[in-house]
Amino acid sequence: MQQEADVSGEALEVWIDQDLCTGDGICAQYAPEVFELDIDGLAYVKGSDDALLQAPGATTPVPLPLLRDVTDSAKECPGECIHVRRVSDKAEVYGPDAE
């Protein structure tokens, strides 16, 4: 079972690996302010202007009030394609590569 990361006070960012996205939309249900399904059926993160960031590996900041919703999205994602990492050292704290 994955340990809970202690990320209090740390700037985090999130990105989606579209190659693994199954299009279930769980992320958009948990955090519609951060994730959205596009017409191609895949999930993407949103930029500050709510535009979808479609470049591979595009990241967006995780707003502190939405931290739980974003991390729950990463935990529940059937495609295991949501990656949440610290901005400071790029270490993944939630998602398939978290330690």
PDB file of N, CA and C in Angstrom:
ATOM      1  N   MET A   1       0.841  -1.180   0.000  1.00  0.00           N
ATOM      2  CA  MET A   1       0.000   0.000   0.000  1.00  0.00           C
ATOM      3  C   MET A   1       0.884   1.240   0.000  1.00  0.00           C
ATOM      4  N   GLN A   2       0.508   2.220  -0.820  1.00  0.00           N
ATOM      5  CA  GLN A   2       1.306   3.430  -0.954  1.00  0.00           C
ATOM      6  C   GLN A   2       1.204   4.282   0.301  1.00  0.00           C
ATOM      7  N   GLN A   3       2.348   4.774   0.759  1.00  0.00           N
ATOM      8  CA  GLN A   3       2.396   5.650   1.920  1.00  0.00           C
ATOM      9  C   GLN A   3       1.847   7.019   1.551  1.00  0.00           C
ATOM     10  N   GLU A   4       1.290   7.714   2.542  1.00  0.00           N
ATOM     11  CA  GLU A   4       0.875   9.095   2.339  1.00  0.00           C
ATOM     12  C   GLU A   4       2.120   9.974   2.365  1.00  0.00           C
ATOM     13  N   ALA A   5       2.308  10.775   1.351  1.00  0.00           N
ATOM     14  CA  ALA A   5       3.460  11.668   1.305  1.00  0.00           C
ATOM     15  C   ALA A   5       3.182  12.893   2.157  1.00  0.00           C
ATOM     16  N   ASP A   6       4.223  13.387   2.837  1.00  0.00           N
ATOM     17  CA  ASP A   6       4.107  14.628   3.588  1.00  0.00           C
ATOM     18  C   ASP A   6       4.529  15.757   2.669  1.00  0.00           C
ATOM     19  N   VAL A   7       3.564  16.466   2.132  1.00  0.00           N
ATOM     20  CA  VAL A   7       3.848  17.521   1.173  1.00  0.00           C
ATOM     21  C   VAL A   7       3.365  18.876   1.677  1.00  0.00           C
ATOM     22  N   SER A   8       3.159  18.985   2.981  1.00  0.00           N
ATOM     23  CA  SER A   8       2.636  20.233   3.539  1.00  0.00           C
ATOM     24  C   SER A   8       3.566  21.395   3.202  1.00  0.00           C
ATOM     25  N   GLY A   9       2.985  22.409   2.611  1.00  0.00           N
ATOM     26  CA  GLY A   9       3.727  23.620   2.300  1.00  0.00           C
ATOM     27  C   GLY A   9       4.590  23.549   1.058  1.00  0.00           C
ATOM     28  N   GLU A  10       4.598  22.433   0.348  1.00  0.00           N
ATOM     29  CA  GLU A  10       5.436  22.310  -0.844  1.00  0.00           C
ATOM     30  C   GLU A  10       4.615  22.571  -2.102  1.00  0.00           C
ATOM     31  N   ALA A  11       5.215  23.261  -3.054  1.00  0.00           N
ATOM     32  CA  ALA A  11       4.560  23.500  -4.336  1.00  0.00           C
ATOM     33  C   ALA A  11       4.544  22.190  -5.123  1.00  0.00           C
ATOM     34  N   LEU A  12       3.357  21.842  -5.619  1.00  0.00           N
ATOM     35  CA  LEU A  12       3.202  20.599  -6.384  1.00  0.00           C
ATOM     36  C   LEU A  12       2.662  20.919  -7.771  1.00  0.00           C
ATOM     37  N   GLU A  13       2.965  20.013  -8.700  1.00  0.00           N
ATOM     38  CA  GLU A  13       2.414  20.110 -10.047  1.00  0.00           C
ATOM     39  C   GLU A  13       1.906  18.728 -10.453  1.00  0.00           C
ATOM     40  N   VAL A  14       1.028  18.705 -11.439  1.00  0.00           N
ATOM     41  CA  VAL A  14       0.440  17.444 -11.881  1.00  0.00           C
ATOM     42  C   VAL A  14       0.495  17.373 -13.399  1.00  0.00           C
ATOM     43  N   TRP A  15       0.666  16.159 -13.900  1.00  0.00           N
ATOM     44  CA  TRP A  15       0.615  15.922 -15.336  1.00  0.00           C
ATOM     45  C   TRP A  15      -0.010  14.557 -15.588  1.00  0.00           C
ATOM     46  N   ILE A  16      -0.483  14.373 -16.817  1.00  0.00           N
ATOM     47  CA  ILE A  16      -1.128  13.120 -17.210  1.00  0.00           C
ATOM     48  C   ILE A  16      -0.367  12.511 -18.377  1.00  0.00           C
ATOM     49  N   ASP A  17      -0.113  11.211 -18.277  1.00  0.00           N
ATOM     50  CA  ASP A  17       0.485  10.463 -19.378  1.00  0.00           C
ATOM     51  C   ASP A  17      -0.662   9.966 -20.255  1.00  0.00           C
ATOM     52  N   GLN A  18      -0.938  10.668 -21.339  1.00  0.00           N
ATOM     53  CA  GLN A  18      -2.068  10.317 -22.202  1.00  0.00           C
ATOM     54  C   GLN A  18      -1.916   8.941 -22.835  1.00  0.00           C
ATOM     55  N   ASP A  19      -0.697   8.423 -22.945  1.00  0.00           N
ATOM     56  CA  ASP A  19      -0.511   7.079 -23.503  1.00  0.00           C
ATOM     57  C   ASP A  19      -1.136   6.013 -22.610  1.00  0.00           C
ATOM     58  N   LEU A  20      -1.307   6.319 -21.325  1.00  0.00           N
ATOM     59  CA  LEU A  20      -1.890   5.361 -20.383  1.00  0.00           C
ATOM     60  C   LEU A  20      -3.331   5.693 -20.006  1.00  0.00           C
ATOM     61  N   CYS A  21      -3.805   6.867 -20.409  1.00  0.00           N
ATOM     62  CA  CYS A  21      -5.151   7.316 -20.027  1.00  0.00           C
ATOM     63  C   CYS A  21      -6.208   6.397 -20.632  1.00  0.00           C
ATOM     64  N   THR A  22      -7.140   5.965 -19.786  1.00  0.00           N
ATOM     65  CA  THR A  22      -8.220   5.095 -20.235  1.00  0.00           C
ATOM     66  C   THR A  22      -9.504   5.870 -20.534  1.00  0.00           C
ATOM     67  N   GLY A  23      -9.505   7.176 -20.265  1.00  0.00           N
ATOM     68  CA  GLY A  23     -10.664   8.009 -20.576  1.00  0.00           C
ATOM     69  C   GLY A  23     -11.847   7.802 -19.658  1.00  0.00           C
ATOM     70  N   ASP A  24     -11.620   7.236 -18.470  1.00  0.00           N
ATOM     71  CA  ASP A  24     -12.723   7.011 -17.536  1.00  0.00           C
ATOM     72  C   ASP A  24     -13.292   8.306 -16.972  1.00  0.00           C
ATOM     73  N   GLY A  25     -12.488   9.348 -16.902  1.00  0.00           N
ATOM     74  CA  GLY A  25     -12.971  10.649 -16.435  1.00  0.00           C
ATOM     75  C   GLY A  25     -13.063  10.797 -14.934  1.00  0.00           C
ATOM     76  N   ILE A  26     -12.518   9.847 -14.193  1.00  0.00           N
ATOM     77  CA  ILE A  26     -12.559   9.947 -12.732  1.00  0.00           C
ATOM     78  C   ILE A  26     -11.865  11.228 -12.270  1.00  0.00           C
ATOM     79  N   CYS A  27     -10.756  11.571 -12.916  1.00  0.00           N
ATOM     80  CA  CYS A  27     -10.016  12.775 -12.519  1.00  0.00           C
ATOM     81  C   CYS A  27     -10.872  14.023 -12.695  1.00  0.00           C
ATOM     82  N   ALA A  28     -11.602  14.104 -13.808  1.00  0.00           N
ATOM     83  CA  ALA A  28     -12.444  15.266 -14.058  1.00  0.00           C
ATOM     84  C   ALA A  28     -13.623  15.322 -13.089  1.00  0.00           C
ATOM     85  N   GLN A  29     -14.041  14.173 -12.573  1.00  0.00           N
ATOM     86  CA  GLN A  29     -15.100  14.163 -11.570  1.00  0.00           C
ATOM     87  C   GLN A  29     -14.568  14.664 -10.228  1.00  0.00           C
ATOM     88  N   TYR A  30     -13.368  14.230  -9.855  1.00  0.00           N
ATOM     89  CA  TYR A  30     -12.766  14.645  -8.586  1.00  0.00           C
ATOM     90  C   TYR A  30     -12.347  16.109  -8.607  1.00  0.00           C
ATOM     91  N   ALA A  31     -11.700  16.547  -9.671  1.00  0.00           N
ATOM     92  CA  ALA A  31     -11.118  17.894  -9.724  1.00  0.00           C
ATOM     93  C   ALA A  31     -11.334  18.527 -11.100  1.00  0.00           C
ATOM     94  N   PRO A  32     -12.574  18.932 -11.403  1.00  0.00           N
ATOM     95  CA  PRO A  32     -12.848  19.516 -12.723  1.00  0.00           C
ATOM     96  C   PRO A  32     -12.119  20.841 -12.959  1.00  0.00           C
ATOM     97  N   GLU A  33     -11.631  21.464 -11.883  1.00  0.00           N
ATOM     98  CA  GLU A  33     -10.875  22.702 -12.035  1.00  0.00           C
ATOM     99  C   GLU A  33      -9.471  22.432 -12.594  1.00  0.00           C
ATOM    100  N   VAL A  34      -9.006  21.174 -12.480  1.00  0.00           N
ATOM    101  CA  VAL A  34      -7.647  20.816 -12.869  1.00  0.00           C
ATOM    102  C   VAL A  34      -7.621  19.910 -14.093  1.00  0.00           C
ATOM    103  N   PHE A  35      -8.612  19.010 -14.222  1.00  0.00           N
ATOM    104  CA  PHE A  35      -8.619  18.002 -15.287  1.00  0.00           C
ATOM    105  C   PHE A  35      -9.859  18.158 -16.164  1.00  0.00           C
ATOM    106  N   GLU A  36      -9.718  17.769 -17.427  1.00  0.00           N
ATOM    107  CA  GLU A  36     -10.864  17.772 -18.338  1.00  0.00           C
ATOM    108  C   GLU A  36     -10.632  16.737 -19.430  1.00  0.00           C
ATOM    109  N   LEU A  37     -11.716  16.083 -19.835  1.00  0.00           N
ATOM    110  CA  LEU A  37     -11.649  15.162 -20.976  1.00  0.00           C
ATOM    111  C   LEU A  37     -11.805  15.973 -22.253  1.00  0.00           C
ATOM    112  N   ASP A  38     -10.987  15.661 -23.240  1.00  0.00           N
ATOM    113  CA  ASP A  38     -11.066  16.345 -24.525  1.00  0.00           C
ATOM    114  C   ASP A  38     -11.907  15.510 -25.481  1.00  0.00           C
ATOM    115  N   ILE A  39     -12.129  16.033 -26.653  1.00  0.00           N
ATOM    116  CA  ILE A  39     -12.925  15.351 -27.666  1.00  0.00           C
ATOM    117  C   ILE A  39     -12.313  14.007 -28.066  1.00  0.00           C
ATOM    118  N   ASP A  40     -10.988  13.860 -27.869  1.00  0.00           N
ATOM    119  CA  ASP A  40     -10.326  12.588 -28.189  1.00  0.00           C
ATOM    120  C   ASP A  40     -10.571  11.515 -27.130  1.00  0.00           C
ATOM    121  N   GLY A  41     -11.306  11.870 -26.046  1.00  0.00           N
ATOM    122  CA  GLY A  41     -11.638  10.906 -25.005  1.00  0.00           C
ATOM    123  C   GLY A  41     -10.576  10.751 -23.936  1.00  0.00           C
ATOM    124  N   LEU A  42      -9.506  11.545 -24.022  1.00  0.00           N
ATOM    125  CA  LEU A  42      -8.425  11.469 -23.046  1.00  0.00           C
ATOM    126  C   LEU A  42      -8.470  12.670 -22.108  1.00  0.00           C
ATOM    127  N   ALA A  43      -7.903  12.477 -20.919  1.00  0.00           N
ATOM    128  CA  ALA A  43      -7.868  13.549 -19.927  1.00  0.00           C
ATOM    129  C   ALA A  43      -6.599  14.380 -20.096  1.00  0.00           C
ATOM    130  N   TYR A  44      -6.749  15.667 -19.806  1.00  0.00           N
ATOM    131  CA  TYR A  44      -5.637  16.620 -19.851  1.00  0.00           C
ATOM    132  C   TYR A  44      -5.727  17.528 -18.636  1.00  0.00           C
ATOM    133  N   VAL A  45      -4.584  18.111 -18.265  1.00  0.00           N
ATOM    134  CA  VAL A  45      -4.601  19.125 -17.214  1.00  0.00           C
ATOM    135  C   VAL A  45      -4.936  20.460 -17.856  1.00  0.00           C
ATOM    136  N   LYS A  46      -5.455  21.367 -17.026  1.00  0.00           N
ATOM    137  CA  LYS A  46      -5.823  22.698 -17.503  1.00  0.00           C
ATOM    138  C   LYS A  46      -4.766  23.709 -17.076  1.00  0.00           C
ATOM    139  N   GLY A  47      -4.568  24.702 -17.917  1.00  0.00           N
ATOM    140  CA  GLY A  47      -3.692  25.808 -17.573  1.00  0.00           C
ATOM    141  C   GLY A  47      -4.434  26.846 -16.756  1.00  0.00           C
ATOM    142  N   SER A  48      -3.756  27.920 -16.426  1.00  0.00           N
ATOM    143  CA  SER A  48      -4.350  28.962 -15.592  1.00  0.00           C
ATOM    144  C   SER A  48      -5.540  29.639 -16.269  1.00  0.00           C
ATOM    145  N   ASP A  49      -5.601  29.586 -17.585  1.00  0.00           N
ATOM    146  CA  ASP A  49      -6.722  30.183 -18.319  1.00  0.00           C
ATOM    147  C   ASP A  49      -7.801  29.159 -18.673  1.00  0.00           C
ATOM    148  N   ASP A  50      -7.755  27.983 -18.041  1.00  0.00           N
ATOM    149  CA  ASP A  50      -8.691  26.880 -18.265  1.00  0.00           C
ATOM    150  C   ASP A  50      -8.522  26.197 -19.622  1.00  0.00           C
ATOM    151  N   ALA A  51      -7.507  26.575 -20.376  1.00  0.00           N
ATOM    152  CA  ALA A  51      -7.234  25.898 -21.645  1.00  0.00           C
ATOM    153  C   ALA A  51      -6.570  24.554 -21.360  1.00  0.00           C
ATOM    154  N   LEU A  52      -6.896  23.551 -22.165  1.00  0.00           N
ATOM    155  CA  LEU A  52      -6.270  22.244 -22.003  1.00  0.00           C
ATOM    156  C   LEU A  52      -4.818  22.308 -22.456  1.00  0.00           C
ATOM    157  N   LEU A  53      -3.944  21.730 -21.641  1.00  0.00           N
ATOM    158  CA  LEU A  53      -2.521  21.679 -21.975  1.00  0.00           C
ATOM    159  C   LEU A  53      -2.256  20.326 -22.622  1.00  0.00           C
ATOM    160  N   GLN A  54      -2.116  20.317 -23.931  1.00  0.00           N
ATOM    161  CA  GLN A  54      -2.064  19.070 -24.671  1.00  0.00           C
ATOM    162  C   GLN A  54      -0.668  18.629 -25.083  1.00  0.00           C
ATOM    163  N   ALA A  55       0.353  19.402 -24.759  1.00  0.00           N
ATOM    164  CA  ALA A  55       1.718  18.972 -25.059  1.00  0.00           C
ATOM    165  C   ALA A  55       2.070  17.799 -24.149  1.00  0.00           C
ATOM    166  N   PRO A  56       2.757  16.775 -24.667  1.00  0.00           N
ATOM    167  CA  PRO A  56       3.138  15.642 -23.820  1.00  0.00           C
ATOM    168  C   PRO A  56       3.929  16.107 -22.597  1.00  0.00           C
ATOM    169  N   GLY A  57       3.521  15.643 -21.431  1.00  0.00           N
ATOM    170  CA  GLY A  57       4.210  15.984 -20.192  1.00  0.00           C
ATOM    171  C   GLY A  57       3.895  17.357 -19.642  1.00  0.00           C
ATOM    172  N   ALA A  58       2.912  18.054 -20.224  1.00  0.00           N
ATOM    173  CA  ALA A  58       2.549  19.388 -19.748  1.00  0.00           C
ATOM    174  C   ALA A  58       2.065  19.307 -18.296  1.00  0.00           C
ATOM    175  N   THR A  59       2.529  20.235 -17.488  1.00  0.00           N
ATOM    176  CA  THR A  59       2.165  20.245 -16.073  1.00  0.00           C
ATOM    177  C   THR A  59       1.358  21.489 -15.745  1.00  0.00           C
ATOM    178  N   THR A  60       0.634  21.395 -14.639  1.00  0.00           N
ATOM    179  CA  THR A  60      -0.075  22.547 -14.096  1.00  0.00           C
ATOM    180  C   THR A  60       0.084  22.509 -12.584  1.00  0.00           C
ATOM    181  N   PRO A  61       0.124  23.674 -11.943  1.00  0.00           N
ATOM    182  CA  PRO A  61       0.242  23.692 -10.485  1.00  0.00           C
ATOM    183  C   PRO A  61      -0.981  23.056  -9.822  1.00  0.00           C
ATOM    184  N   VAL A  62      -0.760  22.435  -8.666  1.00  0.00           N
ATOM    185  CA  VAL A  62      -1.856  21.879  -7.879  1.00  0.00           C
ATOM    186  C   VAL A  62      -2.247  22.936  -6.839  1.00  0.00           C
ATOM    187  N   PRO A  63      -3.443  23.530  -6.978  1.00  0.00           N
ATOM    188  CA  PRO A  63      -3.872  24.508  -5.981  1.00  0.00           C
ATOM    189  C   PRO A  63      -4.067  23.824  -4.626  1.00  0.00           C
ATOM    190  N   LEU A  64      -3.567  24.432  -3.567  1.00  0.00           N
ATOM    191  CA  LEU A  64      -3.639  23.825  -2.245  1.00  0.00           C
ATOM    192  C   LEU A  64      -5.060  23.402  -1.857  1.00  0.00           C
ATOM    193  N   PRO A  65      -6.086  24.217  -2.131  1.00  0.00           N
ATOM    194  CA  PRO A  65      -7.446  23.773  -1.763  1.00  0.00           C
ATOM    195  C   PRO A  65      -7.910  22.513  -2.505  1.00  0.00           C
ATOM    196  N   LEU A  66      -7.259  22.200  -3.618  1.00  0.00           N
ATOM    197  CA  LEU A  66      -7.650  21.026  -4.421  1.00  0.00           C
ATOM    198  C   LEU A  66      -6.687  19.857  -4.268  1.00  0.00           C
ATOM    199  N   LEU A  67      -5.740  19.963  -3.340  1.00  0.00           N
ATOM    200  CA  LEU A  67      -4.721  18.925  -3.182  1.00  0.00           C
ATOM    201  C   LEU A  67      -5.347  17.554  -2.965  1.00  0.00           C
ATOM    202  N   ARG A  68      -6.291  17.454  -2.066  1.00  0.00           N
ATOM    203  CA  ARG A  68      -6.913  16.147  -1.797  1.00  0.00           C
ATOM    204  C   ARG A  68      -7.633  15.605  -3.029  1.00  0.00           C
ATOM    205  N   ASP A  69      -8.353  16.464  -3.745  1.00  0.00           N
ATOM    206  CA  ASP A  69      -9.069  16.015  -4.945  1.00  0.00           C
ATOM    207  C   ASP A  69      -8.095  15.515  -6.015  1.00  0.00           C
ATOM    208  N   VAL A  70      -6.989  16.225  -6.178  1.00  0.00           N
ATOM    209  CA  VAL A  70      -5.999  15.831  -7.187  1.00  0.00           C
ATOM    210  C   VAL A  70      -5.307  14.529  -6.782  1.00  0.00           C
ATOM    211  N   THR A  71      -4.935  14.412  -5.510  1.00  0.00           N
ATOM    212  CA  THR A  71      -4.267  13.174  -5.085  1.00  0.00           C
ATOM    213  C   THR A  71      -5.228  11.997  -5.098  1.00  0.00           C
ATOM    214  N   ASP A  72      -6.491  12.216  -4.757  1.00  0.00           N
ATOM    215  CA  ASP A  72      -7.481  11.138  -4.862  1.00  0.00           C
ATOM    216  C   ASP A  72      -7.641  10.700  -6.314  1.00  0.00           C
ATOM    217  N   SER A  73      -7.584  11.652  -7.235  1.00  0.00           N
ATOM    218  CA  SER A  73      -7.653  11.316  -8.663  1.00  0.00           C
ATOM    219  C   SER A  73      -6.510  10.392  -9.052  1.00  0.00           C
ATOM    220  N   ALA A  74      -5.307  10.729  -8.582  1.00  0.00           N
ATOM    221  CA  ALA A  74      -4.137   9.903  -8.900  1.00  0.00           C
ATOM    222  C   ALA A  74      -4.277   8.511  -8.304  1.00  0.00           C
ATOM    223  N   LYS A  75      -4.813   8.428  -7.098  1.00  0.00           N
ATOM    224  CA  LYS A  75      -4.959   7.123  -6.434  1.00  0.00           C
ATOM    225  C   LYS A  75      -6.017   6.249  -7.102  1.00  0.00           C
ATOM    226  N   GLU A  76      -7.098   6.858  -7.566  1.00  0.00           N
ATOM    227  CA  GLU A  76      -8.238   6.114  -8.107  1.00  0.00           C
ATOM    228  C   GLU A  76      -8.166   5.878  -9.613  1.00  0.00           C
ATOM    229  N   CYS A  77      -7.265   6.524 -10.293  1.00  0.00           N
ATOM    230  CA  CYS A  77      -7.188   6.426 -11.754  1.00  0.00           C
ATOM    231  C   CYS A  77      -6.906   4.989 -12.196  1.00  0.00           C
ATOM    232  N   PRO A  78      -7.807   4.382 -12.985  1.00  0.00           N
ATOM    233  CA  PRO A  78      -7.582   3.004 -13.426  1.00  0.00           C
ATOM    234  C   PRO A  78      -6.411   2.878 -14.402  1.00  0.00           C
ATOM    235  N   GLY A  79      -6.083   3.957 -15.105  1.00  0.00           N
ATOM    236  CA  GLY A  79      -4.965   3.916 -16.042  1.00  0.00           C
ATOM    237  C   GLY A  79      -3.619   4.205 -15.401  1.00  0.00           C
ATOM    238  N   GLU A  80      -3.651   4.571 -14.113  1.00  0.00           N
ATOM    239  CA  GLU A  80      -2.426   4.942 -13.384  1.00  0.00           C
ATOM    240  C   GLU A  80      -1.581   5.903 -14.212  1.00  0.00           C
ATOM    241  N   CYS A  81      -2.219   6.970 -14.699  1.00  0.00           N
ATOM    242  CA  CYS A  81      -1.534   7.895 -15.593  1.00  0.00           C
ATOM    243  C   CYS A  81      -1.367   9.292 -15.012  1.00  0.00           C
ATOM    244  N   ILE A  82      -1.840   9.519 -13.788  1.00  0.00           N
ATOM    245  CA  ILE A  82      -1.757  10.846 -13.175  1.00  0.00           C
ATOM    246  C   ILE A  82      -0.546  10.890 -12.258  1.00  0.00           C
ATOM    247  N   HIS A  83       0.295  11.882 -12.485  1.00  0.00           N
ATOM    248  CA  HIS A  83       1.547  12.033 -11.745  1.00  0.00           C
ATOM    249  C   HIS A  83       1.545  13.369 -11.008  1.00  0.00           C
ATOM    250  N   VAL A  84       1.698  13.329  -9.690  1.00  0.00           N
ATOM    251  CA  VAL A  84       1.794  14.535  -8.872  1.00  0.00           C
ATOM    252  C   VAL A  84       3.212  14.572  -8.318  1.00  0.00           C
ATOM    253  N   ARG A  85       3.908  15.677  -8.552  1.00  0.00           N
ATOM    254  CA  ARG A  85       5.294  15.757  -8.103  1.00  0.00           C
ATOM    255  C   ARG A  85       5.596  17.133  -7.500  1.00  0.00           C
ATOM    256  N   ARG A  86       6.661  17.138  -6.694  1.00  0.00           N
ATOM    257  CA  ARG A  86       7.137  18.395  -6.121  1.00  0.00           C
ATOM    258  C   ARG A  86       7.766  19.226  -7.227  1.00  0.00           C
ATOM    259  N   VAL A  87       7.522  20.517  -7.196  1.00  0.00           N
ATOM    260  CA  VAL A  87       8.125  21.412  -8.172  1.00  0.00           C
ATOM    261  C   VAL A  87       9.628  21.522  -7.920  1.00  0.00           C
ATOM    262  N   SER A  88      10.026  21.532  -6.651  1.00  0.00           N
ATOM    263  CA  SER A  88      11.424  21.789  -6.282  1.00  0.00           C
ATOM    264  C   SER A  88      12.403  20.764  -6.837  1.00  0.00           C
ATOM    265  N   ASP A  89      12.074  19.484  -6.772  1.00  0.00           N
ATOM    266  CA  ASP A  89      13.020  18.454  -7.212  1.00  0.00           C
ATOM    267  C   ASP A  89      12.409  17.449  -8.196  1.00  0.00           C
ATOM    268  N   LYS A  90      11.171  17.688  -8.612  1.00  0.00           N
ATOM    269  CA  LYS A  90      10.464  16.833  -9.581  1.00  0.00           C
ATOM    270  C   LYS A  90      10.230  15.412  -9.066  1.00  0.00           C
ATOM    271  N   ALA A  91      10.330  15.198  -7.758  1.00  0.00           N
ATOM    272  CA  ALA A  91      10.079  13.873  -7.183  1.00  0.00           C
ATOM    273  C   ALA A  91       8.573  13.622  -7.131  1.00  0.00           C
ATOM    274  N   GLU A  92       8.164  12.470  -7.649  1.00  0.00           N
ATOM    275  CA  GLU A  92       6.750  12.123  -7.650  1.00  0.00           C
ATOM    276  C   GLU A  92       6.306  11.737  -6.237  1.00  0.00           C
ATOM    277  N   VAL A  93       5.212  12.370  -5.783  1.00  0.00           N
ATOM    278  CA  VAL A  93       4.706  12.104  -4.435  1.00  0.00           C
ATOM    279  C   VAL A  93       3.389  11.321  -4.465  1.00  0.00           C
ATOM    280  N   TYR A  94       2.673  11.382  -5.576  1.00  0.00           N
ATOM    281  CA  TYR A  94       1.471  10.569  -5.782  1.00  0.00           C
ATOM    282  C   TYR A  94       1.475  10.120  -7.224  1.00  0.00           C
ATOM    283  N   GLY A  95       1.002   8.907  -7.454  1.00  0.00           N
ATOM    284  CA  GLY A  95       0.955   8.371  -8.799  1.00  0.00           C
ATOM    285  C   GLY A  95       1.753   7.097  -8.901  1.00  0.00           C
ATOM    286  N   PRO A  96       1.838   6.529 -10.103  1.00  0.00           N
ATOM    287  CA  PRO A  96       2.456   5.213 -10.271  1.00  0.00           C
ATOM    288  C   PRO A  96       3.954   5.173  -9.961  1.00  0.00           C
ATOM    289  N   ASP A  97       4.649   6.307 -10.038  1.00  0.00           N
ATOM    290  CA  ASP A  97       6.082   6.313  -9.781  1.00  0.00           C
ATOM    291  C   ASP A  97       6.455   6.845  -8.407  1.00  0.00           C
ATOM    292  N   ALA A  98       5.451   7.082  -7.543  1.00  0.00           N
ATOM    293  CA  ALA A  98       5.714   7.587  -6.192  1.00  0.00           C
ATOM    294  C   ALA A  98       6.355   6.493  -5.348  1.00  0.00           C
ATOM    295  N   GLU A  99       7.237   6.898  -4.478  1.00  0.00           N
ATOM    296  CA  GLU A  99       7.914   5.910  -3.614  1.00  0.00           C
ATOM    297  C   GLU A  99       7.409   5.986  -2.203  1.00  0.00           C
TER     298      GLU A  99
END
